[in-house]
C-alpha atoms as a PDB file:
ATOM      1  CA  MET A   1     -75.148  87.429 119.253  1.00  0.00           C
ATOM      2  CA  ASP A   2     -72.189  88.461 117.207  1.00  0.00           C
ATOM      3  CA  PHE A   3     -72.342  86.724 113.259  1.00  0.00           C
ATOM      4  CA  SER A   4     -68.899  88.044 111.968  1.00  0.00           C
ATOM      5  CA  ILE A   5     -66.931  86.159 109.398  1.00  0.00           C
ATOM      6  CA  GLY A   6     -64.751  85.264 112.490  1.00  0.00           C
ATOM      7  CA  THR A   7     -67.388  83.960 114.494  1.00  0.00           C
ATOM      8  CA  ILE A   8     -68.998  81.763 111.660  1.00  0.00           C
ATOM      9  CA  LEU A   9     -65.690  80.348 110.669  1.00  0.00           C
ATOM     10  CA  ILE A  10     -65.417  79.265 114.498  1.00  0.00           C
ATOM     11  CA  TYR A  11     -68.763  77.481 114.353  1.00  0.00           C
ATOM     12  CA  VAL A  12     -67.823  75.724 111.011  1.00  0.00           C
ATOM     13  CA  ILE A  13     -64.554  74.390 112.459  1.00  0.00           C
ATOM     14  CA  ALA A  14     -66.128  73.029 115.608  1.00  0.00           C
ATOM     15  CA  GLY A  15     -69.269  71.505 113.494  1.00  0.00           C
ATOM     16  CA  LEU A  16     -66.532  69.900 111.479  1.00  0.00           C
ATOM     17  CA  VAL A  17     -64.892  68.433 114.315  1.00  0.00           C
ATOM     18  CA  ILE A  18     -67.839  67.468 116.364  1.00  0.00           C
ATOM     19  CA  GLY A  19     -69.210  65.879 113.345  1.00  0.00           C
ATOM     20  CA  LEU A  20     -66.488  63.844 112.371  1.00  0.00           C
ATOM     21  CA  ILE A  21     -65.673  62.531 116.072  1.00  0.00           C
ATOM     22  CA  ALA A  22     -69.311  61.672 115.681  1.00  0.00           C
ATOM     23  CA  ARG A  23     -68.939  59.743 112.691  1.00  0.00           C
ATOM     24  CA  PHE A  24     -65.771  58.240 114.383  1.00  0.00           C
ATOM     25  CA  LEU A  25     -67.727  57.023 117.164  1.00  0.00           C
ATOM     26  CA  LEU A  26     -70.886  55.756 115.498  1.00  0.00           C
ATOM     27  CA  PRO A  27     -69.544  53.087 112.850  1.00  0.00           C
ATOM     28  CA  GLY A  28     -70.833  52.329 109.629  1.00  0.00           C
ATOM     29  CA  GLU A  29     -71.347  54.025 106.197  1.00  0.00           C
ATOM     30  CA  ASP A  30     -72.513  57.425 106.019  1.00  0.00           C
ATOM     31  CA  PRO A  31     -74.964  59.141 103.274  1.00  0.00           C
ATOM     32  CA  ILE A  32     -73.770  62.472 103.552  1.00  0.00           C
ATOM     33  CA  GLY A  33     -70.638  64.324 102.788  1.00  0.00           C
ATOM     34  CA  LEU A  34     -68.535  66.905 104.184  1.00  0.00           C
ATOM     35  CA  VAL A  35     -71.124  69.613 104.201  1.00  0.00           C
ATOM     36  CA  GLY A  36     -73.590  67.142 105.600  1.00  0.00           C
ATOM     37  CA  THR A  37     -70.812  66.500 108.424  1.00  0.00           C
ATOM     38  CA  ILE A  38     -70.515  70.204 109.121  1.00  0.00           C
ATOM     39  CA  LEU A  39     -74.269  70.689 109.481  1.00  0.00           C
ATOM     40  CA  VAL A  40     -74.914  67.894 111.754  1.00  0.00           C
ATOM     41  CA  GLY A  41     -71.849  69.088 113.975  1.00  0.00           C
ATOM     42  CA  VAL A  42     -73.077  72.586 114.060  1.00  0.00           C
ATOM     43  CA  VAL A  43     -76.493  71.412 114.995  1.00  0.00           C
ATOM     44  CA  GLY A  44     -75.140  69.057 117.286  1.00  0.00           C
ATOM     45  CA  ALA A  45     -73.153  71.836 119.210  1.00  0.00           C
ATOM     46  CA  LEU A  46     -75.965  74.082 119.523  1.00  0.00           C
ATOM     47  CA  ILE A  47     -78.554  71.786 120.516  1.00  0.00           C
ATOM     48  CA  GLY A  48     -76.356  69.569 122.612  1.00  0.00           C
ATOM     49  CA  GLY A  49     -74.376  72.526 124.150  1.00  0.00           C
ATOM     50  CA  TYR A  50     -77.639  73.872 124.979  1.00  0.00           C
ATOM     51  CA  LEU A  51     -79.125  70.709 126.908  1.00  0.00           C
ATOM     52  CA  TRP A  52     -75.979  69.973 128.297  1.00  0.00           C
ATOM     53  CA  GLU A  53     -75.894  73.278 130.330  1.00  0.00           C
ATOM     54  CA  ALA A  54     -79.562  73.407 130.944  1.00  0.00           C
ATOM     55  CA  ILE A  55     -79.098  70.015 132.825  1.00  0.00           C
ATOM     56  CA  PHE A  56     -75.683  70.238 134.390  1.00  0.00           C
ATOM     57  CA  GLY A  57     -75.448  74.126 134.897  1.00  0.00           C
ATOM     58  CA  ASP A  58     -73.136  76.447 132.997  1.00  0.00           C
ATOM     59  CA  ASP A  59     -70.034  76.000 135.356  1.00  0.00           C
ATOM     60  CA  GLN A  60     -68.818  72.901 133.617  1.00  0.00           C
ATOM     61  CA  ASP A  61     -65.720  74.459 131.627  1.00  0.00           C
ATOM     62  CA  GLY A  62     -65.649  73.061 128.368  1.00  0.00           C
ATOM     63  CA  ILE A  63     -67.408  69.835 129.229  1.00  0.00           C
ATOM     64  CA  ALA A  64     -70.628  70.579 127.124  1.00  0.00           C
ATOM     65  CA  TRP A  65     -68.696  69.075 124.055  1.00  0.00           C
ATOM     66  CA  ILE A  66     -69.814  65.772 125.327  1.00  0.00           C
ATOM     67  CA  GLY A  67     -73.619  66.821 125.094  1.00  0.00           C
ATOM     68  CA  SER A  68     -72.716  68.254 121.604  1.00  0.00           C
ATOM     69  CA  ILE A  69     -70.959  64.880 120.466  1.00  0.00           C
ATOM     70  CA  LEU A  70     -73.810  62.881 122.006  1.00  0.00           C
ATOM     71  CA  VAL A  71     -76.505  64.790 120.130  1.00  0.00           C
ATOM     72  CA  ALA A  72     -74.548  64.909 116.707  1.00  0.00           C
ATOM     73  CA  MET A  73     -74.135  61.140 117.195  1.00  0.00           C
ATOM     74  CA  VAL A  74     -78.071  61.013 117.633  1.00  0.00           C
ATOM     75  CA  LEU A  75     -78.707  63.264 114.594  1.00  0.00           C
ATOM     76  CA  LEU A  76     -76.347  61.018 112.545  1.00  0.00           C
ATOM     77  CA  PHE A  77     -78.297  57.729 113.409  1.00  0.00           C
ATOM     78  CA  VAL A  78     -81.467  59.558 112.641  1.00  0.00           C
ATOM     79  CA  ILE A  79     -80.073  60.545 109.042  1.00  0.00           C
ATOM     80  CA  ARG A  80     -78.800  57.028 108.450  1.00  0.00           C
ATOM     81  CA  LYS A  81     -82.334  55.514 108.998  1.00  0.00           C
ATOM     82  CA  ALA A  82     -84.227  58.157 107.168  1.00  0.00           C
ATOM     83  CA  MET A  83     -81.980  57.658 104.169  1.00  0.00           C
ATOM     84  CA  GLY A  84     -82.455  53.777 104.512  1.00  0.00           C
ATOM     85  CA  GLY A  85     -79.292  52.731 103.026  1.00  0.00           C
ATOM     86  CA  ARG A  86     -79.279  54.874 100.264  1.00  0.00           C
ATOM     87  CA  SER A  87     -75.595  55.887  99.260  1.00  0.00           C
ATOM     88  CA  ARG A  88     -74.253  58.917  97.948  1.00  0.00           C
ATOM     89  CA  THR A  89     -73.633  59.160  94.357  1.00  0.00           C
ATOM     90  CA  THR A  90     -70.955  61.385  92.553  1.00  0.00           C
ATOM     91  CA  ALA A  91     -71.753  63.177  89.193  1.00  0.00           C
END
């Protein structure tokens, strides 16, 4: 796997998009900021994309985004429950 600056940038942008979509589809207040959203999106993309292709095959042109967003939503839900209503503090 090639981890050049361009590849990492693509992962960050895709993570941001997937994380933002997950936050939009899962209403409520989020205890994470922009970096947390990117991380949730990247992890959701990696796990969700892999699971989607493992279940439905890799001939689904670009539809693995659905699995990525669903996993990101689950991760976001788990983070919200784990944080137990704590809100972000700004210094």
